[in-house]
Amino acid sequence: MDQKKEDTLKDNSDLELLSVLLREIAKAGNEIRSAEKDASKASRRLSFAIVLANRLLDRKKINGFESSRSKTQTTETHIRQ
């Protein structure tokens, strides 16, 4: 523990330390909620990017172009049959 934290423990009353503890708990809770929101936003962005990539692949297929992914899937389907 660094000196500043050590001094805080020595120089403050139990009531003051309890107040500090409650503030730290509240801050940590807010940081967790914020991190959860950020993770949720990132997950939605990834989902959108996957949908977008698949749509673009489908468009290429519709326009007469076959992606390497769809060629691989077609080859695998023929091999299984």
C-alpha atoms as a PDB file:
ATOM      1  CA  MET A   1       0.000   0.000   0.000  1.00  0.00           C
ATOM      2  CA  ASP A   2       1.364   3.436  -0.858  1.00  0.00           C
ATOM      3  CA  GLN A   3       2.035   6.097   1.749  1.00  0.00           C
ATOM      4  CA  LYS A   4      -0.973   8.251   0.871  1.00  0.00           C
ATOM      5  CA  LYS A   5      -3.382   5.356   1.424  1.00  0.00           C
ATOM      6  CA  GLU A   6      -1.587   4.412   4.608  1.00  0.00           C
ATOM      7  CA  ASP A   7      -1.922   7.998   5.885  1.00  0.00           C
ATOM      8  CA  THR A   8      -5.626   8.024   5.013  1.00  0.00           C
ATOM      9  CA  LEU A   9      -6.151   4.936   7.144  1.00  0.00           C
ATOM     10  CA  LYS A  10      -4.157   6.349  10.067  1.00  0.00           C
ATOM     11  CA  ASP A  11      -5.399   9.945  10.012  1.00  0.00           C
ATOM     12  CA  ASN A  12      -9.154   9.496   9.552  1.00  0.00           C
ATOM     13  CA  SER A  13     -11.848   8.379  11.959  1.00  0.00           C
ATOM     14  CA  ASP A  14     -13.897   5.251  11.358  1.00  0.00           C
ATOM     15  CA  LEU A  15     -16.831   7.405  10.273  1.00  0.00           C
ATOM     16  CA  GLU A  16     -14.671   9.263   7.721  1.00  0.00           C
ATOM     17  CA  LEU A  17     -13.258   5.964   6.443  1.00  0.00           C
ATOM     18  CA  LEU A  18     -16.781   4.571   6.121  1.00  0.00           C
ATOM     19  CA  SER A  19     -17.728   7.605   4.054  1.00  0.00           C
ATOM     20  CA  VAL A  20     -14.680   7.057   1.815  1.00  0.00           C
ATOM     21  CA  LEU A  21     -15.572   3.379   1.507  1.00  0.00           C
ATOM     22  CA  LEU A  22     -19.128   4.154   0.430  1.00  0.00           C
ATOM     23  CA  ARG A  23     -17.899   6.625  -2.202  1.00  0.00           C
ATOM     24  CA  GLU A  24     -15.453   4.045  -3.571  1.00  0.00           C
ATOM     25  CA  ILE A  25     -18.188   1.396  -3.730  1.00  0.00           C
ATOM     26  CA  ALA A  26     -20.476   3.806  -5.597  1.00  0.00           C
ATOM     27  CA  LYS A  27     -17.689   4.721  -8.042  1.00  0.00           C
ATOM     28  CA  ALA A  28     -16.902   1.054  -8.694  1.00  0.00           C
ATOM     29  CA  GLY A  29     -20.590   0.316  -9.300  1.00  0.00           C
ATOM     30  CA  ASN A  30     -20.814   3.179 -11.795  1.00  0.00           C
ATOM     31  CA  GLU A  31     -17.665   1.994 -13.573  1.00  0.00           C
ATOM     32  CA  ILE A  32     -19.080  -1.537 -13.855  1.00  0.00           C
ATOM     33  CA  ARG A  33     -22.392  -0.281 -15.263  1.00  0.00           C
ATOM     34  CA  SER A  34     -20.525   1.900 -17.744  1.00  0.00           C
ATOM     35  CA  ALA A  35     -18.326  -1.017 -18.818  1.00  0.00           C
ATOM     36  CA  GLU A  36     -21.405  -3.226 -19.269  1.00  0.00           C
ATOM     37  CA  LYS A  37     -23.029  -0.587 -21.480  1.00  0.00           C
ATOM     38  CA  ASP A  38     -19.827  -0.271 -23.533  1.00  0.00           C
ATOM     39  CA  ALA A  39     -19.623  -4.060 -23.943  1.00  0.00           C
ATOM     40  CA  SER A  40     -23.274  -4.168 -25.015  1.00  0.00           C
ATOM     41  CA  LYS A  41     -22.705  -1.425 -27.593  1.00  0.00           C
ATOM     42  CA  ALA A  42     -19.639  -3.231 -28.954  1.00  0.00           C
ATOM     43  CA  SER A  43     -21.606  -6.481 -29.194  1.00  0.00           C
ATOM     44  CA  ARG A  44     -24.387  -4.762 -31.164  1.00  0.00           C
ATOM     45  CA  ARG A  45     -21.812  -3.215 -33.505  1.00  0.00           C
ATOM     46  CA  LEU A  46     -20.251  -6.621 -34.130  1.00  0.00           C
ATOM     47  CA  SER A  47     -23.671  -8.137 -34.832  1.00  0.00           C
ATOM     48  CA  PHE A  48     -24.421  -5.350 -37.301  1.00  0.00           C
ATOM     49  CA  ALA A  49     -21.044  -5.802 -38.994  1.00  0.00           C
ATOM     50  CA  ILE A  50     -21.711  -9.536 -39.412  1.00  0.00           C
ATOM     51  CA  VAL A  51     -25.145  -8.873 -40.927  1.00  0.00           C
ATOM     52  CA  LEU A  52     -23.653  -6.245 -43.243  1.00  0.00           C
ATOM     53  CA  ALA A  53     -20.838  -8.544 -44.371  1.00  0.00           C
ATOM     54  CA  ASN A  54     -23.307 -11.340 -45.091  1.00  0.00           C
ATOM     55  CA  ARG A  55     -25.579  -8.996 -47.054  1.00  0.00           C
ATOM     56  CA  LEU A  56     -22.633  -7.830 -49.150  1.00  0.00           C
ATOM     57  CA  LEU A  57     -21.667 -11.448 -49.829  1.00  0.00           C
ATOM     58  CA  ASP A  58     -25.261 -12.212 -50.835  1.00  0.00           C
ATOM     59  CA  ARG A  59     -25.317  -9.227 -53.218  1.00  0.00           C
ATOM     60  CA  LYS A  60     -22.166 -10.438 -54.919  1.00  0.00           C
ATOM     61  CA  LYS A  61     -23.722 -13.866 -55.311  1.00  0.00           C
ATOM     62  CA  ILE A  62     -26.951 -12.384 -56.736  1.00  0.00           C
ATOM     63  CA  ASN A  63     -24.984 -10.262 -59.230  1.00  0.00           C
ATOM     64  CA  GLY A  64     -23.251 -13.353 -60.633  1.00  0.00           C
ATOM     65  CA  PHE A  65     -20.175 -13.276 -58.453  1.00  0.00           C
ATOM     66  CA  GLU A  66     -19.478 -16.057 -56.039  1.00  0.00           C
ATOM     67  CA  SER A  67     -17.395 -15.360 -52.972  1.00  0.00           C
ATOM     68  CA  SER A  68     -14.689 -17.747 -51.915  1.00  0.00           C
ATOM     69  CA  ARG A  69     -16.858 -18.504 -48.872  1.00  0.00           C
ATOM     70  CA  SER A  70     -19.836 -19.577 -50.964  1.00  0.00           C
ATOM     71  CA  LYS A  71     -17.576 -21.576 -53.310  1.00  0.00           C
ATOM     72  CA  THR A  72     -16.208 -23.433 -50.301  1.00  0.00           C
ATOM     73  CA  GLN A  73     -19.722 -24.097 -49.023  1.00  0.00           C
ATOM     74  CA  THR A  74     -20.831 -25.313 -52.472  1.00  0.00           C
ATOM     75  CA  THR A  75     -17.800 -27.604 -52.732  1.00  0.00           C
ATOM     76  CA  GLU A  76     -18.453 -29.001 -49.252  1.00  0.00           C
ATOM     77  CA  THR A  77     -22.114 -29.629 -50.140  1.00  0.00           C
ATOM     78  CA  HIS A  78     -21.126 -31.537 -53.312  1.00  0.00           C
ATOM     79  CA  ILE A  79     -18.564 -33.596 -51.396  1.00  0.00           C
ATOM     80  CA  ARG A  80     -21.150 -34.615 -48.775  1.00  0.00           C
ATOM     81  CA  GLN A  81     -23.597 -35.728 -51.469  1.00  0.00           C
END
